[in-house]
Protein backbone atom coordinates (compact mmCIF):
# COMPACT_ATOMS: atom_id res chain seq x y z
CA MET A 1 0.02 0.11 -0.35
CA SER A 2 1.54 3.48 -0.99
CA ALA A 3 2.13 6.09 1.14
CA SER A 4 -1.15 7.84 0.63
CA THR A 5 -3.24 4.85 0.81
CA ILE A 6 -6.62 5.51 3.02
CA ARG A 7 -8.99 2.57 3.86
CA SER A 8 -12.44 3.31 4.37
CA ILE A 9 -14.01 -0.08 5.72
CA ASP A 10 -17.73 -0.86 6.35
CA ARG A 11 -18.50 -0.65 10.03
CA SER A 12 -19.85 -3.91 9.70
CA SER A 13 -16.92 -5.86 9.28
CA ARG A 14 -14.75 -4.14 12.10
CA ASP A 15 -14.17 -6.53 14.52
CA PRO A 16 -15.85 -4.60 17.96
CA GLU A 17 -13.92 -6.48 20.30
CA PHE A 18 -11.36 -3.69 20.87
CA GLY A 19 -14.93 -0.77 21.42
CA PRO A 20 -16.66 1.10 19.21
CA TRP A 21 -13.60 4.39 19.02
CA LEU A 22 -10.96 1.87 17.24
CA ALA A 23 -13.84 1.75 14.09
CA HIS A 24 -14.31 5.57 13.77
CA ALA A 25 -10.25 6.28 14.40
CA SER A 26 -7.65 7.53 11.89
CA VAL A 27 -4.08 6.06 12.19
CA LEU A 28 -0.84 7.52 11.32
CA VAL A 29 2.43 5.07 10.94
CA VAL A 30 5.77 6.20 11.15
CA ASP A 31 8.49 3.70 10.28
CA ASP A 32 11.65 3.83 7.88
CA GLU A 33 11.09 -0.04 7.69
CA PRO A 34 8.74 -0.55 4.55
CA GLY A 35 8.07 -4.41 6.06
CA MET A 36 6.82 -2.78 9.22
CA ARG A 37 4.83 -0.19 7.93
CA ASN A 38 3.21 -2.60 5.86
CA PHE A 39 2.40 -5.09 8.89
CA LEU A 40 1.28 -2.35 10.75
CA VAL A 41 -1.63 -1.68 7.90
CA ARG A 42 -2.45 -4.91 7.45
CA THR A 43 -3.46 -5.05 11.05
CA LEU A 44 -5.11 -1.89 12.04
CA GLY A 45 -6.66 -1.13 8.13
CA PRO A 46 -9.53 -3.13 8.81
CA ARG A 47 -10.16 -2.11 11.91
CA CYS A 48 -9.58 1.71 11.43
CA LYS A 49 -11.53 4.61 9.47
CA ARG A 50 -8.09 5.69 7.83
CA ILE A 51 -4.50 4.53 8.40
CA GLU A 52 -2.12 6.42 6.48
CA GLU A 53 1.94 5.46 6.21
CA ALA A 54 5.32 7.92 6.21
CA ALA A 55 8.61 6.62 5.79
CA ASP A 56 10.05 9.41 8.12
CA THR A 57 9.58 12.42 10.03
CA GLU A 58 9.71 15.02 7.44
CA GLU A 59 6.88 13.15 5.79
CA ALA A 60 4.32 13.00 9.03
CA THR A 61 4.92 16.30 9.81
CA ARG A 62 3.71 17.24 6.37
CA LYS A 63 0.73 14.90 6.84
CA LEU A 64 0.41 16.40 10.42
CA ASP A 65 -0.11 19.62 8.70
CA GLN A 66 -2.78 18.56 6.24
CA GLN A 67 -5.21 16.25 8.08
CA HIS A 68 -6.43 15.40 12.11
CA PHE A 69 -4.68 11.65 13.06
CA ASP A 70 -6.30 10.32 16.47
CA VAL A 71 -3.03 8.20 17.19
CA VAL A 72 0.41 8.75 16.04
CA ILE A 73 2.67 4.53 15.95
CA LEU A 74 6.10 5.99 15.92
CA ASP A 75 9.67 3.95 15.73
CA ASN A 76 12.35 5.52 17.54
CA ILE A 77 15.06 4.71 15.95
CA MET A 78 15.37 6.03 12.09
CA PRO A 79 17.89 8.02 9.72
CA GLY A 80 18.12 11.61 10.50
CA ARG A 81 15.70 11.98 13.75
CA ASN A 82 14.68 9.42 16.35
CA GLY A 83 10.93 9.59 16.94
CA VAL A 84 11.21 11.00 20.95
CA ASP A 85 12.92 14.21 19.38
CA TRP A 86 10.60 14.53 16.50
CA LEU A 87 7.59 13.82 18.96
CA ALA A 88 8.88 16.46 21.53
CA GLU A 89 9.63 19.45 18.81
CA GLN A 90 5.54 18.22 17.54
CA ARG A 91 4.51 18.74 20.86
CA ALA A 92 6.50 21.81 21.21
CA ILE A 93 4.23 23.32 18.28
CA GLY A 94 1.12 22.24 18.91
CA PHE A 95 0.81 18.33 18.11
CA PHE A 96 -2.34 16.84 20.70
CA ALA A 97 -2.73 13.19 18.84
CA GLU A 98 -1.85 10.07 21.17
CA ALA A 99 1.72 8.77 20.67
CA ILE A 100 3.15 4.93 20.72
CA LEU A 101 6.71 4.94 20.64
CA MET A 102 7.97 1.87 18.93
CA THR A 103 11.12 1.07 19.89
CA ALA A 104 13.95 -2.81 19.86
CA PHE A 105 15.78 -1.49 22.59
CA ALA A 106 14.19 -1.78 26.11
CA ASP A 107 16.13 0.40 28.44
CA LEU A 108 14.94 2.70 31.06
CA GLU A 109 16.32 6.23 29.72
CA THR A 110 14.57 5.90 26.64
CA ALA A 111 11.19 5.14 28.51
CA ILE A 112 11.78 8.24 30.55
CA GLN A 113 12.62 10.17 27.49
CA ALA A 114 9.28 8.59 25.68
CA LEU A 115 7.19 9.56 28.68
CA ARG A 116 8.59 13.08 28.87
CA ALA A 117 8.30 13.75 25.09
CA GLY A 118 4.25 12.84 25.70
CA ALA A 119 4.00 9.44 24.14
CA ALA A 120 1.16 7.33 26.01
CA ASP A 121 2.26 4.01 25.35
CA PHE A 122 5.75 2.23 24.57
CA VAL A 123 5.75 -1.03 22.87
CA LEU A 124 8.99 -3.05 22.47
CA LYS A 125 9.54 -5.16 19.28
CA PRO A 126 8.74 -7.53 17.78
CA PHE A 127 5.55 -7.60 18.98
CA ARG A 128 2.34 -9.62 18.37
CA SER A 129 -0.76 -7.99 16.18
CA ASN A 130 -2.93 -7.91 19.16
CA GLN A 131 -0.51 -6.26 21.15
CA ILE A 132 -0.20 -3.53 19.01
CA ILE A 133 -4.07 -3.13 18.37
CA ASN A 134 -4.34 -2.98 22.40
CA ALA A 135 -2.40 -0.09 22.49
CA VAL A 136 -4.38 1.96 19.78
CA ALA A 137 -7.56 0.76 21.43
CA ARG A 138 -6.05 1.90 24.86
CA CYS A 139 -4.78 5.06 23.64
CA LEU A 140 -8.34 5.76 22.44
CA ASP A 141 -10.32 4.94 25.25
CA ARG A 142 -8.07 7.15 27.40
CA LEU A 143 -8.71 10.16 24.67
CA ARG A 144 -12.39 9.40 25.55
CA LEU A 145 -12.43 9.91 28.59
CA GLN A 146 -10.80 12.38 28.52
CA ARG A 147 -12.94 14.53 25.82
CA GLU A 148 -16.24 13.35 27.95
CA ASN A 149 -14.86 14.54 31.66
CA ASN A 150 -14.03 17.52 30.06
CA VAL A 151 -17.71 17.93 27.92
CA LEU A 152 -19.29 16.78 31.03
CA ARG A 153 -17.80 19.67 33.04
CA TYR A 154 -18.95 22.25 30.75
CA GLU A 155 -22.42 20.39 30.89
CA LEU A 156 -22.88 20.86 34.33
CA ARG A 157 -21.82 24.05 33.89
CA ALA A 158 -24.10 25.46 31.75
CA ALA A 159 -27.43 26.56 32.28
CA SER A 160 -29.44 23.97 30.99
CA ASP A 161 -33.24 22.81 31.31
CA HIS A 162 -31.75 20.29 34.16
CA MET A 163 -31.65 17.54 31.71
CA LEU A 164 -35.49 16.81 31.71
CA LEU A 165 -35.83 17.88 28.17
CA ARG A 166 -32.30 18.01 26.58
CA ASP A 167 -33.74 15.27 23.85
CA ARG A 168 -37.17 15.93 22.80
CA LEU A 169 -39.22 19.45 22.52
CA ILE A 170 -42.47 18.59 23.88
CA GLY A 171 -45.66 20.52 23.06
CA GLU A 172 -48.34 20.33 20.40
CA SER A 173 -49.14 23.79 19.86
CA GLU A 174 -48.14 25.49 15.89
CA PRO A 175 -45.45 27.38 16.75
CA ILE A 176 -43.13 24.40 18.15
CA GLN A 177 -44.62 21.75 15.88
CA ARG A 178 -43.26 24.06 13.01
CA VAL A 179 -39.88 24.11 14.79
CA ARG A 180 -39.62 20.81 14.83
CA GLU A 181 -40.21 20.33 11.11
CA THR A 182 -37.75 22.25 10.28
CA ILE A 183 -35.21 20.84 12.19
CA ALA A 184 -35.99 17.54 10.92
CA ARG A 185 -35.52 19.06 7.26
CA VAL A 186 -32.20 20.67 8.26
CA ALA A 187 -30.54 17.80 10.83
CA PRO A 188 -29.71 15.42 7.94
CA LEU A 189 -27.18 18.36 6.30
CA PRO A 190 -24.02 20.04 7.01
CA THR A 191 -25.69 23.32 6.79
CA THR A 192 -25.12 25.39 10.06
CA VAL A 193 -27.77 26.36 12.18
CA LEU A 194 -28.78 29.69 14.15
CA LEU A 195 -31.24 29.16 16.72
CA THR A 196 -33.20 32.45 18.27
CA GLY A 197 -35.29 33.08 21.13
CA GLU A 198 -35.86 34.37 24.61
CA SER A 199 -33.32 32.68 27.63
CA GLY A 200 -35.45 29.64 28.80
CA THR A 201 -37.15 28.73 25.40
CA GLY A 202 -35.46 25.69 25.06
CA LYS A 203 -32.25 26.42 22.20
CA GLU A 204 -30.34 23.32 23.88
CA VAL A 205 -33.21 21.32 23.56
CA ALA A 206 -33.10 22.12 19.76
CA ALA A 207 -29.40 21.86 19.24
CA ARG A 208 -29.02 18.41 20.77
CA THR A 209 -32.54 17.27 18.29
CA LEU A 210 -30.57 18.40 15.18
CA HIS A 211 -27.42 16.53 16.27
CA SER A 212 -29.67 13.34 17.09
CA LEU A 213 -31.34 13.36 14.07
CA SER A 214 -28.01 14.33 11.93
CA ASP A 215 -25.99 11.20 10.71
CA ARG A 216 -22.79 12.41 13.51
CA ALA A 217 -25.67 11.57 15.77
CA ASP A 218 -22.72 8.84 17.56
CA LYS A 219 -20.37 10.89 17.91
CA PRO A 220 -19.83 14.10 20.37
CA PHE A 221 -22.13 16.69 21.12
CA VAL A 222 -20.13 19.71 22.88
CA PRO A 223 -22.23 22.67 24.61
CA VAL A 224 -20.45 25.47 25.03
CA ASN A 225 -21.87 28.53 26.72
CA CYS A 226 -20.10 31.64 25.94
CA ALA A 227 -21.42 33.56 28.56
CA ALA A 228 -20.31 31.43 31.22
CA ILE A 229 -16.39 31.40 30.41
CA PRO A 230 -14.46 34.37 31.49
CA PRO A 231 -13.11 36.78 28.75
CA ASP A 232 -9.56 36.00 29.24
CA MET A 233 -9.94 32.08 29.62
CA ILE A 234 -12.53 31.85 26.78
CA GLU A 235 -9.65 31.56 23.93
CA SER A 236 -7.68 28.84 25.73
CA GLU A 237 -11.21 26.65 26.33
CA LEU A 238 -12.37 26.73 22.97
CA PHE A 239 -8.92 26.44 20.79
CA GLY A 240 -6.76 24.48 23.31
CA HIS A 241 -3.13 25.65 24.53
CA LEU A 242 0.25 24.42 24.51
CA LYS A 243 2.49 23.83 28.15
CA GLY A 244 3.85 27.75 28.98
CA ALA A 245 1.64 29.35 26.35
CA PHE A 246 0.32 31.80 29.64
CA THR A 247 0.78 31.86 33.55
CA ASN A 248 -0.69 28.61 34.72
CA ALA A 249 -0.36 26.67 31.32
CA GLY A 250 1.67 24.14 33.32
CA SER A 251 0.62 21.33 30.61
CA ALA A 252 -0.68 21.52 27.24
CA ARG A 253 -4.33 20.74 26.76
CA GLU A 254 -7.09 20.28 23.52
CA GLY A 255 -9.86 22.64 23.58
CA LEU A 256 -13.69 21.98 22.73
CA PHE A 257 -13.17 22.59 19.23
CA MET A 258 -11.13 19.40 19.19
CA HIS A 259 -13.70 17.46 21.66
CA ALA A 260 -16.14 18.07 19.41
CA HIS A 261 -14.42 16.44 16.33
CA GLY A 262 -16.21 14.36 14.33
CA GLY A 263 -19.06 15.76 15.99
CA THR A 264 -21.32 18.90 16.46
CA LEU A 265 -19.95 22.09 18.84
CA PHE A 266 -23.09 24.23 20.00
CA LEU A 267 -22.23 27.72 20.95
CA ASP A 268 -24.77 29.07 23.16
CA GLU A 269 -25.03 33.01 23.89
CA ILE A 270 -22.49 33.58 20.96
CA GLY A 271 -23.90 37.54 21.07
CA GLU A 272 -21.67 36.86 24.17
CA LEU A 273 -18.01 36.26 22.25
CA PRO A 274 -15.67 38.81 23.08
CA LEU A 275 -15.33 41.05 19.75
CA SER A 276 -10.96 39.61 19.87
CA LEU A 277 -12.74 36.27 19.02
CA GLN A 278 -14.71 36.90 16.75
CA SER A 279 -12.79 36.92 14.32
CA LYS A 280 -10.57 33.60 14.63
CA LEU A 281 -14.02 31.70 14.95
CA LEU A 282 -14.57 32.99 11.38
CA ARG A 283 -11.58 31.68 10.19
CA VAL A 284 -12.37 28.47 11.85
CA LEU A 285 -16.01 28.52 10.12
CA GLU A 286 -14.33 29.22 6.66
CA ASP A 287 -11.06 27.00 7.06
CA ARG A 288 -11.88 24.02 9.69
CA ARG A 289 -8.91 24.40 11.07
CA VAL A 290 -7.88 25.17 14.62
CA ARG A 291 -4.91 26.91 16.11
CA PRO A 292 -4.09 26.66 20.02
CA VAL A 293 -2.80 29.42 22.13
CA GLY A 294 1.07 29.68 21.81
CA ALA A 295 0.95 26.74 18.74
CA GLU A 296 2.42 26.72 15.56
CA ARG A 297 0.34 24.23 13.62
CA GLU A 298 -3.13 25.07 12.78
CA VAL A 299 -4.87 21.50 13.60
CA PRO A 300 -7.77 20.23 11.06
CA VAL A 301 -11.51 19.85 12.50
CA ASP A 302 -14.24 18.13 11.36
CA LEU A 303 -17.48 19.86 13.08
CA ARG A 304 -21.07 20.95 12.21
CA PHE A 305 -21.16 24.32 14.23
CA ILE A 306 -25.24 24.81 16.13
CA PHE A 307 -25.04 28.51 17.11
CA ALA A 308 -27.78 30.45 19.40
CA THR A 309 -28.89 33.68 21.14
CA ASN A 310 -31.58 35.41 22.76
CA ALA A 311 -30.07 39.08 21.65
CA ASP A 312 -30.62 40.25 18.25
CA LEU A 313 -27.62 39.89 16.18
CA ALA A 314 -29.24 42.34 13.76
CA GLN A 315 -29.18 45.11 16.09
CA GLU A 316 -25.72 44.03 17.63
CA VAL A 317 -24.12 44.14 14.55
CA GLN A 318 -25.22 47.88 13.69
CA ALA A 319 -24.20 48.88 17.72
CA ASN A 320 -20.60 47.41 16.70
CA ARG A 321 -20.83 44.63 19.66
CA PHE A 322 -20.91 41.70 16.60
CA ARG A 323 -19.24 41.31 13.55
CA ALA A 324 -20.99 41.69 10.73
CA ASP A 325 -19.28 38.86 8.36
CA LEU A 326 -19.52 36.84 11.21
CA TYR A 327 -23.15 37.15 11.70
CA PHE A 328 -23.55 36.60 7.89
CA ARG A 329 -21.59 33.62 8.26
CA ILE A 330 -23.78 31.93 10.80
CA ASN A 331 -26.86 33.25 9.69
CA VAL A 332 -27.67 30.60 7.14
CA LEU A 333 -30.50 29.05 8.64
CA GLN A 334 -31.91 30.98 11.44
CA ILE A 335 -34.39 28.68 13.52
CA HIS A 336 -36.97 30.93 16.31
CA LEU A 337 -37.48 29.44 19.79
CA PRO A 338 -41.34 30.36 20.00
CA PRO A 339 -41.29 31.82 23.99
CA LEU A 340 -43.76 29.61 26.11
CA LYS A 341 -46.29 32.69 26.51
CA GLU A 342 -46.77 32.11 22.66
CA ARG A 343 -47.21 28.34 23.14
CA GLY A 344 -51.04 27.92 23.62
CA ASN A 345 -51.31 24.46 26.06
CA ASP A 346 -48.13 23.40 25.76
CA ALA A 347 -47.35 24.91 29.46
CA GLN A 348 -49.60 21.81 30.81
CA ASP A 349 -48.15 19.53 29.11
CA LEU A 350 -44.57 20.71 30.18
CA ALA A 351 -45.55 20.99 33.84
CA ALA A 352 -47.42 17.58 33.94
CA LEU A 353 -43.66 16.27 32.90
CA PHE A 354 -42.10 18.40 34.95
CA MET A 355 -44.29 17.51 37.92
CA THR A 356 -43.55 13.31 36.97
CA LYS A 357 -39.82 13.82 36.87
CA LEU A 358 -39.06 16.08 39.82
CA SER A 359 -41.22 13.85 41.88
CA GLN A 360 -38.97 11.03 41.43
CA GLN A 361 -35.97 13.06 41.38
CA LEU A 362 -37.13 14.91 44.87
CA GLY A 363 -38.62 11.60 46.43
CA VAL A 364 -42.14 13.54 47.11
CA PRO A 365 -45.57 12.73 46.32
CA LYS A 366 -46.97 14.61 42.40
CA VAL A 367 -49.07 17.55 43.69
CA PRO A 368 -51.97 17.63 41.73
CA LEU A 369 -52.37 20.56 39.56
CA ASP A 370 -56.51 21.61 39.73
CA ASP A 371 -58.45 23.82 37.10
CA ALA A 372 -57.55 27.02 39.03
CA ALA A 373 -53.54 25.93 38.99
CA ARG A 374 -54.02 25.59 35.16
CA GLU A 375 -56.02 28.41 34.62
CA ALA A 376 -53.17 30.77 36.56
CA MET A 377 -50.55 28.86 34.36
CA ALA A 378 -52.70 29.93 31.22
CA ARG A 379 -53.02 33.65 31.74
CA TYR A 380 -49.28 34.10 33.38
CA PRO A 381 -46.75 35.26 30.56
CA TRP A 382 -43.90 33.44 31.85
CA PRO A 383 -41.16 35.88 31.61
CA GLY A 384 -38.52 32.96 32.66
CA ASN A 385 -40.03 30.60 29.91
CA VAL A 386 -39.65 26.75 30.31
CA ARG A 387 -36.73 27.10 32.57
CA GLU A 388 -39.23 29.45 34.82
CA LEU A 389 -42.11 26.51 34.74
CA ARG A 390 -39.68 24.00 35.80
CA ASN A 391 -38.67 25.63 38.84
CA LEU A 392 -42.48 26.29 39.31
CA ILE A 393 -42.81 22.87 39.31
CA GLU A 394 -39.75 22.37 41.65
CA ARG A 395 -41.59 24.92 44.20
CA THR A 396 -44.68 23.45 44.04
CA LEU A 397 -43.59 19.80 45.35
CA ILE A 398 -41.01 21.07 47.77
CA LEU A 399 -44.22 23.07 49.60
CA GLY A 400 -46.76 20.32 48.67
CA ARG A 401 -49.14 23.31 47.23
CA PHE A 402 -49.43 24.60 44.01
CA PRO A 403 -47.90 28.38 44.90
CA TYR A 404 -50.36 31.32 43.44
CA GLU A 405 -48.43 33.94 44.96
CA GLN A 406 -45.27 33.12 42.44
CA LEU A 407 -47.93 34.17 39.26
CA ALA A 408 -48.57 37.29 40.92
CA TYR A 409 -47.45 40.34 39.09
CA ASP A 410 -46.86 42.63 41.95
CA GLY A 411 -45.97 40.33 44.40
CA LEU A 412 -49.28 40.72 46.14
CA THR A 413 -51.92 40.70 43.57
CA PRO A 414 -53.36 37.38 41.92
CA ALA A 415 -53.15 36.73 38.35
CA GLN A 416 -56.63 37.02 37.70
CA ASP A 417 -57.20 40.30 39.31
CA ARG A 418 -54.27 41.87 37.21
CA PRO A 419 -55.55 44.39 34.99
CA GLU A 420 -56.75 43.45 31.61
CA ALA A 421 -55.29 46.33 29.42
CA GLU A 422 -51.79 46.07 30.72
CA SER A 423 -49.10 45.06 28.45
CA LEU A 424 -47.16 41.37 28.50
CA ALA A 425 -44.33 43.79 28.96
CA GLU A 426 -45.24 45.63 31.95
CA MET A 427 -46.36 42.56 33.73
CA GLU A 428 -42.92 41.11 32.69
CA ARG A 429 -41.35 44.30 34.78
CA ARG A 430 -43.78 44.55 37.54
CA HIS A 431 -43.35 40.71 37.80
CA ILE A 432 -38.84 40.70 38.00
CA LEU A 433 -38.84 44.06 39.98
CA ALA A 434 -41.50 42.60 42.59
CA VAL A 435 -39.31 39.80 42.91
CA LEU A 436 -36.45 41.55 43.43
CA ARG A 437 -38.00 43.33 46.03
CA GLU A 438 -38.89 39.83 47.60
CA VAL A 439 -35.06 39.08 47.64
CA GLY A 440 -33.79 42.66 49.13
CA GLY A 441 -32.62 43.31 45.03
CA ASN A 442 -30.05 40.22 44.70
CA ARG A 443 -30.23 40.20 41.37
CA GLU A 444 -28.26 36.36 41.40
CA GLU A 445 -31.12 34.70 43.71
CA ALA A 446 -33.83 36.85 41.51
CA ALA A 447 -32.47 35.15 38.69
CA ARG A 448 -32.69 31.96 40.16
CA ARG A 449 -36.03 32.27 41.12
CA LEU A 450 -37.18 33.76 37.71
CA GLY A 451 -35.24 30.51 35.83
CA VAL A 452 -33.35 33.37 33.93
CA SER A 453 -29.79 34.52 33.48
CA ARG A 454 -28.38 36.96 35.56
CA LYS A 455 -27.48 38.72 32.36
CA THR A 456 -31.04 39.12 31.56
CA ILE A 457 -32.05 40.81 35.17
CA ASP A 458 -28.92 43.24 34.57
CA ARG A 459 -30.13 43.94 31.04
CA LYS A 460 -33.67 44.19 32.05
CA CYS A 461 -32.90 46.59 34.67
CA ALA A 462 -30.40 48.78 32.89
CA VAL A 463 -33.65 49.37 30.54
CA TRP A 464 -35.83 49.83 33.37
CA ASN A 465 -32.96 52.26 35.15
CA ALA A 466 -33.53 50.00 38.31
């Protein structure tokens, strides 16, 4: 097989013994001996998605510059350059793949040097085919665990809908049915999608649905809340960094772009991304290549992008707070998530679901929702949307009764006694200000009670001069 050959075998023919990640892996073999390269290609080719060869470190460097590999299998003794030195050099300029070092000399010094250079495993020649397959499988499993742990950390940090609705859009109203129809049409396509709507309307749920209906469903889905990451850290978190790239960068780390490789990256609150990073994101969208902080090499990535915002990005562009070229690049297909107040009786269906799920989680009996409670929910404007409804049901379960007082717009007057001519915007203002009074002006606590973000409270208070 030539150095440029790429093997792509149907998944059904691959051996499942070594785990599902091996079937999706891309491997680069670097060895000056044609016999060893052929042996590794014959051994790994039928089990991997793609395998390529390089006869020396120069050819290997060119291939790393052109495409992404999950694992590099590297001979240590080669003409002109040994594998340990080359690996250390690649790590220094931005190489994050797993590396397995092959050597015929099993001395402790070489093993120590290999580990310091960033090798994940050490294989002694001669070896059997199952030894190298197991070594590759271990590397892939370690890589999977690292990425899943980092993604889980962001999921726990993100202000998602408490995972109860993460995989489906609930409701039979016409607006939500239109959203589901649009998602079903665009999900199989590689098209970039922009999700818009108020906070708490289920944009992450829609993004997960897009991913689950796409051909990337068995690959990672990585949600990132751009507003939840400090501005001085967001570049490193997204792009990754090398050891020593900045203060406290004690080790190299892949960014979230690489964690989502092959799958879907969901960038929520994209309007909060600092202007300094918007141009870098635009380059990633255009070139599908990522340059980690402190790196000389750009790493190829295969991603589907889904964006979300509760802001009017067109207005943000006019105010010079969002790049026009990035806006036009991400606004390929826009899907608007309707607020709960426009979804008819969906609030009743959602309340029933939350009641069942949360009663199980909390270990308390369900609280019946009588006609008065349903009428109160039907007339309430839900400024915090689905998230606020979820929090209301949790309070209901904790108190053992439906908290009608939480649906009073001024904190005192029952909802059914409010003036009919009052606008929804005024109702929202009075309700939020009432909650702020209840918590003594603590905006963080008010946001938690309302089921909205702190930024939403700050923005509305600024508009109201409150």
